[in-house]
Amino acid sequence: MTISSQQTYTGFAGTRLIASGFLRDVVHRALTSTILRTSQVLIFDDMTGDTIEIDLGGTPEYLAHRMAEIANCAMAENVPSQPDGAARGPGRPKLGVVAREVTLLPRHWEWLATQPGGASVALRKLVEEARRTNQGKDRLRSAQEAAYRFMSIMAGNEPGFEEAARALFRGDQESYARFVEPWPVDVASHAKRLADRAFENRAAEPSPRCA
């Protein structure tokens, strides 16, 4: 995921595109748009496809506070983990460590107890290794899910929606474009833009090797 200062958003009033860019610019455009008075405004996170909740009828202070909250959440998700071997002070690092419950079988706990640094260190190493190994697949899945979330909200009742969704997840770009084409122009254009990331990531994935 990109850092919060570079995160982009896209606003729609009904099926019409208002603006796409930094959150402050999209919100400003929504507030000054004449179609705001007659259409519901939705603002989407371009990275996830989720809508974000902002009361555009709120006070300037509220809007500034809400946008800062969203930026801070995005920034928190992008705090880099401390690399293995880096110098550490006594005690836990101040950033990045979150305590949550993990449920494992007894044999898993027994194995973790024998690992250098204990269970927490071993689990972090396993997660980092899995992230490195699966980063291509993770990017593909995230891009597909972002496009699908946007489609579901903006085009769930449009003709060809189910066919477009199936084409998205099987990586059939030509069919996807064909089924999306009849949708409202701005909706179709943004759906293609989000899906392009998924198709690009699929193309970058190595082909399975024959045995």
C-alpha atoms as a PDB file:
ATOM      1  CA  MET A   1       0.000   0.000   0.000  1.00  0.00           C
ATOM      2  CA  THR A   2       1.259   3.525  -0.749  1.00  0.00           C
ATOM      3  CA  ILE A   3       2.005   5.904   2.099  1.00  0.00           C
ATOM      4  CA  SER A   4      -0.849   8.154   3.182  1.00  0.00           C
ATOM      5  CA  SER A   5       0.570  11.320   1.613  1.00  0.00           C
ATOM      6  CA  GLN A   6       0.300   9.624  -1.793  1.00  0.00           C
ATOM      7  CA  GLN A   7      -2.976   7.778  -1.225  1.00  0.00           C
ATOM      8  CA  THR A   8      -5.625   8.684  -3.781  1.00  0.00           C
ATOM      9  CA  TYR A   9      -9.399   8.728  -3.627  1.00  0.00           C
ATOM     10  CA  THR A  10     -12.220   9.061  -6.129  1.00  0.00           C
ATOM     11  CA  GLY A  11     -15.546  10.795  -5.567  1.00  0.00           C
ATOM     12  CA  PHE A  12     -18.826  10.114  -7.338  1.00  0.00           C
ATOM     13  CA  ALA A  13     -22.106  12.003  -7.277  1.00  0.00           C
ATOM     14  CA  GLY A  14     -24.555   9.392  -8.412  1.00  0.00           C
ATOM     15  CA  THR A  15     -22.820   7.824 -11.397  1.00  0.00           C
ATOM     16  CA  ARG A  16     -20.877  10.972 -12.309  1.00  0.00           C
ATOM     17  CA  LEU A  17     -17.211  11.335 -11.441  1.00  0.00           C
ATOM     18  CA  ILE A  18     -16.524  14.390  -9.280  1.00  0.00           C
ATOM     19  CA  ALA A  19     -12.765  14.160  -8.865  1.00  0.00           C
ATOM     20  CA  SER A  20      -9.911  11.742  -8.349  1.00  0.00           C
ATOM     21  CA  GLY A  21      -6.755  12.542  -6.398  1.00  0.00           C
ATOM     22  CA  PHE A  22      -5.720  13.430  -2.866  1.00  0.00           C
ATOM     23  CA  LEU A  23      -8.523  13.284  -0.314  1.00  0.00           C
ATOM     24  CA  ARG A  24      -8.497  17.020   0.436  1.00  0.00           C
ATOM     25  CA  ASP A  25      -8.934  17.794  -3.268  1.00  0.00           C
ATOM     26  CA  VAL A  26     -11.749  15.300  -3.753  1.00  0.00           C
ATOM     27  CA  VAL A  27     -13.594  16.607  -0.693  1.00  0.00           C
ATOM     28  CA  HIS A  28     -13.142  20.224  -1.828  1.00  0.00           C
ATOM     29  CA  ARG A  29     -14.469  19.380  -5.280  1.00  0.00           C
ATOM     30  CA  ALA A  30     -17.449  17.557  -3.776  1.00  0.00           C
ATOM     31  CA  LEU A  31     -18.270  20.540  -1.559  1.00  0.00           C
ATOM     32  CA  THR A  32     -18.173  22.961  -4.481  1.00  0.00           C
ATOM     33  CA  SER A  33     -19.952  20.750  -7.015  1.00  0.00           C
ATOM     34  CA  THR A  34     -23.469  21.716  -8.017  1.00  0.00           C
ATOM     35  CA  ILE A  35     -24.495  18.076  -8.457  1.00  0.00           C
ATOM     36  CA  LEU A  36     -23.901  17.551  -4.727  1.00  0.00           C
ATOM     37  CA  ARG A  37     -27.338  19.044  -4.149  1.00  0.00           C
ATOM     38  CA  THR A  38     -29.153  16.454  -6.248  1.00  0.00           C
ATOM     39  CA  SER A  39     -27.082  13.264  -5.994  1.00  0.00           C
ATOM     40  CA  GLN A  40     -25.622  11.092  -3.258  1.00  0.00           C
ATOM     41  CA  VAL A  41     -21.871  11.531  -2.978  1.00  0.00           C
ATOM     42  CA  LEU A  42     -19.621   8.536  -2.368  1.00  0.00           C
ATOM     43  CA  ILE A  43     -15.857   8.738  -1.916  1.00  0.00           C
ATOM     44  CA  PHE A  44     -13.797   5.623  -2.599  1.00  0.00           C
ATOM     45  CA  ASP A  45     -10.340   4.641  -1.434  1.00  0.00           C
ATOM     46  CA  ASP A  46      -8.581   3.783  -4.714  1.00  0.00           C
ATOM     47  CA  MET A  47      -6.313   1.226  -3.057  1.00  0.00           C
ATOM     48  CA  THR A  48      -9.043  -0.830  -1.364  1.00  0.00           C
ATOM     49  CA  GLY A  49     -12.230   0.052  -3.253  1.00  0.00           C
ATOM     50  CA  ASP A  50     -13.943   0.815   0.066  1.00  0.00           C
ATOM     51  CA  THR A  51     -16.085   3.886   0.640  1.00  0.00           C
ATOM     52  CA  ILE A  52     -14.973   6.267   3.364  1.00  0.00           C
ATOM     53  CA  GLU A  53     -17.412   7.985   5.672  1.00  0.00           C
ATOM     54  CA  ILE A  54     -17.266  11.780   5.581  1.00  0.00           C
ATOM     55  CA  ASP A  55     -20.262  13.973   6.395  1.00  0.00           C
ATOM     56  CA  LEU A  56     -19.946  16.630   3.715  1.00  0.00           C
ATOM     57  CA  GLY A  57     -22.547  18.687   5.554  1.00  0.00           C
ATOM     58  CA  GLY A  58     -20.320  18.925   8.595  1.00  0.00           C
ATOM     59  CA  THR A  59     -18.414  21.951   9.827  1.00  0.00           C
ATOM     60  CA  PRO A  60     -14.975  22.841   8.408  1.00  0.00           C
ATOM     61  CA  GLU A  61     -13.480  21.728  11.722  1.00  0.00           C
ATOM     62  CA  TYR A  62     -15.166  18.344  11.454  1.00  0.00           C
ATOM     63  CA  LEU A  63     -14.016  17.861   7.867  1.00  0.00           C
ATOM     64  CA  ALA A  64     -10.421  18.727   8.745  1.00  0.00           C
ATOM     65  CA  HIS A  65     -10.499  16.378  11.737  1.00  0.00           C
ATOM     66  CA  ARG A  66     -12.054  13.521   9.752  1.00  0.00           C
ATOM     67  CA  MET A  67      -9.539  13.800   6.918  1.00  0.00           C
ATOM     68  CA  ALA A  68      -6.692  13.846   9.449  1.00  0.00           C
ATOM     69  CA  GLU A  69      -8.116  10.685  11.036  1.00  0.00           C
ATOM     70  CA  ILE A  70      -8.169   8.896   7.679  1.00  0.00           C
ATOM     71  CA  ALA A  71      -4.619  10.009   6.882  1.00  0.00           C
ATOM     72  CA  ASN A  72      -3.387   8.882  10.308  1.00  0.00           C
ATOM     73  CA  CYS A  73      -4.995   5.454   9.890  1.00  0.00           C
ATOM     74  CA  ALA A  74      -3.330   5.033   6.504  1.00  0.00           C
ATOM     75  CA  MET A  75       0.000   6.148   7.952  1.00  0.00           C
ATOM     76  CA  ALA A  76      -0.295   3.682  10.850  1.00  0.00           C
ATOM     77  CA  GLU A  77      -0.794   0.831   8.381  1.00  0.00           C
ATOM     78  CA  ASN A  78       2.449   1.812   6.679  1.00  0.00           C
ATOM     79  CA  VAL A  79       4.771   1.996   9.687  1.00  0.00           C
ATOM     80  CA  PRO A  80       7.669  -0.213   8.559  1.00  0.00           C
ATOM     81  CA  SER A  81       8.616  -3.127  10.735  1.00  0.00           C
ATOM     82  CA  GLN A  82      12.099  -3.049  12.242  1.00  0.00           C
ATOM     83  CA  PRO A  83      14.449  -5.233  10.184  1.00  0.00           C
ATOM     84  CA  ASP A  84      15.980  -8.297  11.763  1.00  0.00           C
ATOM     85  CA  GLY A  85      19.366  -7.547  13.214  1.00  0.00           C
ATOM     86  CA  ALA A  86      18.706  -3.823  13.686  1.00  0.00           C
ATOM     87  CA  ALA A  87      19.869  -2.300  16.937  1.00  0.00           C
ATOM     88  CA  ARG A  88      17.132  -2.322  19.576  1.00  0.00           C
ATOM     89  CA  GLY A  89      16.894  -0.685  22.926  1.00  0.00           C
ATOM     90  CA  PRO A  90      15.678  -2.497  26.024  1.00  0.00           C
ATOM     91  CA  GLY A  91      12.060  -3.604  26.103  1.00  0.00           C
ATOM     92  CA  ARG A  92       9.536  -3.694  23.288  1.00  0.00           C
ATOM     93  CA  PRO A  93       9.787  -1.307  20.336  1.00  0.00           C
ATOM     94  CA  LYS A  94       7.535   1.729  20.758  1.00  0.00           C
ATOM     95  CA  LEU A  95       5.933   1.258  17.334  1.00  0.00           C
ATOM     96  CA  GLY A  96       4.706  -1.708  15.378  1.00  0.00           C
ATOM     97  CA  VAL A  97       4.092  -4.299  18.095  1.00  0.00           C
ATOM     98  CA  VAL A  98       0.464  -5.256  18.674  1.00  0.00           C
ATOM     99  CA  ALA A  99      -0.639  -7.880  21.187  1.00  0.00           C
ATOM    100  CA  ARG A 100      -3.443 -10.143  19.936  1.00  0.00           C
ATOM    101  CA  GLU A 101      -4.611 -13.643  20.690  1.00  0.00           C
ATOM    102  CA  VAL A 102      -3.195 -16.445  18.542  1.00  0.00           C
ATOM    103  CA  THR A 103      -4.746 -19.924  18.647  1.00  0.00           C
ATOM    104  CA  LEU A 104      -2.430 -22.841  17.818  1.00  0.00           C
ATOM    105  CA  LEU A 105      -2.287 -26.569  18.424  1.00  0.00           C
ATOM    106  CA  PRO A 106      -0.059 -27.842  21.278  1.00  0.00           C
ATOM    107  CA  ARG A 107       2.569 -29.141  18.850  1.00  0.00           C
ATOM    108  CA  HIS A 108       2.809 -25.673  17.312  1.00  0.00           C
ATOM    109  CA  TRP A 109       3.446 -24.069  20.704  1.00  0.00           C
ATOM    110  CA  GLU A 110       6.009 -26.744  21.501  1.00  0.00           C
ATOM    111  CA  TRP A 111       7.898 -26.022  18.291  1.00  0.00           C
ATOM    112  CA  LEU A 112       7.736 -22.264  18.805  1.00  0.00           C
ATOM    113  CA  ALA A 113       9.104 -22.630  22.330  1.00  0.00           C
ATOM    114  CA  THR A 114      12.302 -24.171  20.932  1.00  0.00           C
ATOM    115  CA  GLN A 115      12.983 -21.329  18.483  1.00  0.00           C
ATOM    116  CA  PRO A 116      15.622 -18.651  19.165  1.00  0.00           C
ATOM    117  CA  GLY A 117      14.002 -15.545  20.596  1.00  0.00           C
ATOM    118  CA  GLY A 118      10.813 -17.340  21.598  1.00  0.00           C
ATOM    119  CA  ALA A 119       7.375 -17.636  20.029  1.00  0.00           C
ATOM    120  CA  SER A 120       6.878 -13.955  19.120  1.00  0.00           C
ATOM    121  CA  VAL A 121      10.150 -13.658  17.212  1.00  0.00           C
ATOM    122  CA  ALA A 122       9.573 -16.952  15.407  1.00  0.00           C
ATOM    123  CA  LEU A 123       6.045 -15.982  14.401  1.00  0.00           C
ATOM    124  CA  ARG A 124       7.178 -12.599  13.100  1.00  0.00           C
ATOM    125  CA  LYS A 125       9.871 -14.272  10.991  1.00  0.00           C
ATOM    126  CA  LEU A 126       7.363 -16.772   9.599  1.00  0.00           C
ATOM    127  CA  VAL A 127       4.931 -13.992   8.696  1.00  0.00           C
ATOM    128  CA  GLU A 128       7.631 -11.906   7.013  1.00  0.00           C
ATOM    129  CA  GLU A 129       8.802 -14.902   5.009  1.00  0.00           C
ATOM    130  CA  ALA A 130       5.230 -15.657   3.936  1.00  0.00           C
ATOM    131  CA  ARG A 131       4.765 -12.027   2.924  1.00  0.00           C
ATOM    132  CA  ARG A 132       7.889 -12.093   0.767  1.00  0.00           C
ATOM    133  CA  THR A 133       6.938 -15.413  -0.825  1.00  0.00           C
ATOM    134  CA  ASN A 134       3.334 -14.453  -1.558  1.00  0.00           C
ATOM    135  CA  GLN A 135       3.649 -10.742  -2.261  1.00  0.00           C
ATOM    136  CA  GLY A 136       2.752 -11.156  -5.939  1.00  0.00           C
ATOM    137  CA  LYS A 137      -0.370 -13.171  -5.139  1.00  0.00           C
ATOM    138  CA  ASP A 138      -1.275 -10.742  -2.358  1.00  0.00           C
ATOM    139  CA  ARG A 139      -1.039  -7.758  -4.714  1.00  0.00           C
ATOM    140  CA  LEU A 140      -3.184  -9.580  -7.265  1.00  0.00           C
ATOM    141  CA  ARG A 141      -5.837 -10.474  -4.704  1.00  0.00           C
ATOM    142  CA  SER A 142      -5.894  -6.945  -3.256  1.00  0.00           C
ATOM    143  CA  ALA A 143      -6.301  -5.395  -6.695  1.00  0.00           C
ATOM    144  CA  GLN A 144      -9.096  -7.801  -7.624  1.00  0.00           C
ATOM    145  CA  GLU A 145     -10.912  -7.177  -4.350  1.00  0.00           C
ATOM    146  CA  ALA A 146     -10.607  -3.392  -4.702  1.00  0.00           C
ATOM    147  CA  ALA A 147     -12.128  -3.479  -8.185  1.00  0.00           C
ATOM    148  CA  TYR A 148     -14.854  -5.866  -7.037  1.00  0.00           C
ATOM    149  CA  ARG A 149     -15.822  -3.707  -4.031  1.00  0.00           C
ATOM    150  CA  PHE A 150     -16.189  -0.647  -6.215  1.00  0.00           C
ATOM    151  CA  MET A 151     -18.177  -2.587  -8.823  1.00  0.00           C
ATOM    152  CA  SER A 152     -20.491  -4.050  -6.205  1.00  0.00           C
ATOM    153  CA  ILE A 153     -21.424  -0.626  -4.860  1.00  0.00           C
ATOM    154  CA  MET A 154     -21.613   1.321  -8.118  1.00  0.00           C
ATOM    155  CA  ALA A 155     -22.650  -1.322 -10.645  1.00  0.00           C
ATOM    156  CA  GLY A 156     -24.144  -4.202  -8.689  1.00  0.00           C
ATOM    157  CA  ASN A 157     -27.463  -3.780 -10.526  1.00  0.00           C
ATOM    158  CA  GLU A 158     -25.979  -3.090 -13.940  1.00  0.00           C
ATOM    159  CA  PRO A 159     -26.356  -5.652 -16.754  1.00  0.00           C
ATOM    160  CA  GLY A 160     -23.347  -7.918 -17.063  1.00  0.00           C
ATOM    161  CA  PHE A 161     -22.159  -7.331 -13.497  1.00  0.00           C
ATOM    162  CA  GLU A 162     -21.832 -11.019 -12.606  1.00  0.00           C
ATOM    163  CA  GLU A 163     -20.139 -11.819 -15.894  1.00  0.00           C
ATOM    164  CA  ALA A 164     -17.695  -8.922 -15.389  1.00  0.00           C
ATOM    165  CA  ALA A 165     -16.896 -10.123 -11.877  1.00  0.00           C
ATOM    166  CA  ARG A 166     -16.137 -13.628 -13.102  1.00  0.00           C
ATOM    167  CA  ALA A 167     -13.931 -12.236 -15.860  1.00  0.00           C
ATOM    168  CA  LEU A 168     -12.083 -10.093 -13.305  1.00  0.00           C
ATOM    169  CA  PHE A 169     -11.213 -13.021 -11.060  1.00  0.00           C
ATOM    170  CA  ARG A 170     -10.192 -15.332 -13.874  1.00  0.00           C
ATOM    171  CA  GLY A 171      -7.986 -12.660 -15.446  1.00  0.00           C
ATOM    172  CA  ASP A 172      -9.921 -12.276 -18.705  1.00  0.00           C
ATOM    173  CA  GLN A 173      -9.332  -8.595 -19.480  1.00  0.00           C
ATOM    174  CA  GLU A 174     -10.997  -8.620 -22.899  1.00  0.00           C
ATOM    175  CA  SER A 175     -14.249 -10.088 -21.571  1.00  0.00           C
ATOM    176  CA  TYR A 176     -14.176  -7.790 -18.546  1.00  0.00           C
ATOM    177  CA  ALA A 177     -13.949  -4.717 -20.769  1.00  0.00           C
ATOM    178  CA  ARG A 178     -16.808  -5.970 -22.918  1.00  0.00           C
ATOM    179  CA  PHE A 179     -19.179  -6.537 -19.997  1.00  0.00           C
ATOM    180  CA  VAL A 180     -18.270  -3.233 -18.307  1.00  0.00           C
ATOM    181  CA  GLU A 181     -18.643  -1.112 -21.454  1.00  0.00           C
ATOM    182  CA  PRO A 182     -22.476  -0.617 -21.267  1.00  0.00           C
ATOM    183  CA  TRP A 183     -22.301   0.794 -17.720  1.00  0.00           C
ATOM    184  CA  PRO A 184     -22.463   4.553 -17.036  1.00  0.00           C
ATOM    185  CA  VAL A 185     -19.364   6.086 -18.603  1.00  0.00           C
ATOM    186  CA  ASP A 186     -17.600   7.296 -15.442  1.00  0.00           C
ATOM    187  CA  VAL A 187     -18.390   4.117 -13.518  1.00  0.00           C
ATOM    188  CA  ALA A 188     -17.113   1.911 -16.346  1.00  0.00           C
ATOM    189  CA  SER A 189     -13.963   4.004 -16.708  1.00  0.00           C
ATOM    190  CA  HIS A 190     -13.077   3.788 -13.014  1.00  0.00           C
ATOM    191  CA  ALA A 191     -13.931   0.094 -12.845  1.00  0.00           C
ATOM    192  CA  LYS A 192     -11.502  -0.519 -15.721  1.00  0.00           C
ATOM    193  CA  ARG A 193      -8.859   1.618 -14.059  1.00  0.00           C
ATOM    194  CA  LEU A 194      -9.045  -0.375 -10.827  1.00  0.00           C
ATOM    195  CA  ALA A 195      -9.158  -3.694 -12.660  1.00  0.00           C
ATOM    196  CA  ASP A 196      -6.101  -2.786 -14.728  1.00  0.00           C
ATOM    197  CA  ARG A 197      -3.975  -3.219 -11.593  1.00  0.00           C
ATOM    198  CA  ALA A 198      -5.297  -6.750 -11.197  1.00  0.00           C
ATOM    199  CA  PHE A 199      -4.644  -7.675 -14.813  1.00  0.00           C
ATOM    200  CA  GLU A 200      -1.143  -6.180 -14.656  1.00  0.00           C
ATOM    201  CA  ASN A 201      -0.351  -8.131 -11.488  1.00  0.00           C
ATOM    202  CA  ARG A 202      -1.662 -11.352 -13.012  1.00  0.00           C
ATOM    203  CA  ALA A 203       0.514 -10.828 -16.078  1.00  0.00           C
ATOM    204  CA  ALA A 204       3.521 -10.320 -13.803  1.00  0.00           C
ATOM    205  CA  GLU A 205       2.927 -13.608 -11.976  1.00  0.00           C
ATOM    206  CA  PRO A 206       5.275 -16.395 -13.131  1.00  0.00           C
ATOM    207  CA  SER A 207       3.650 -19.204 -15.066  1.00  0.00           C
ATOM    208  CA  PRO A 208       3.360 -22.549 -13.249  1.00  0.00           C
ATOM    209  CA  ARG A 209       6.230 -24.888 -14.069  1.00  0.00           C
ATOM    210  CA  CYS A 210       5.482 -28.218 -15.638  1.00  0.00           C
ATOM    211  CA  ALA A 211       6.552 -31.246 -13.631  1.00  0.00           C
END
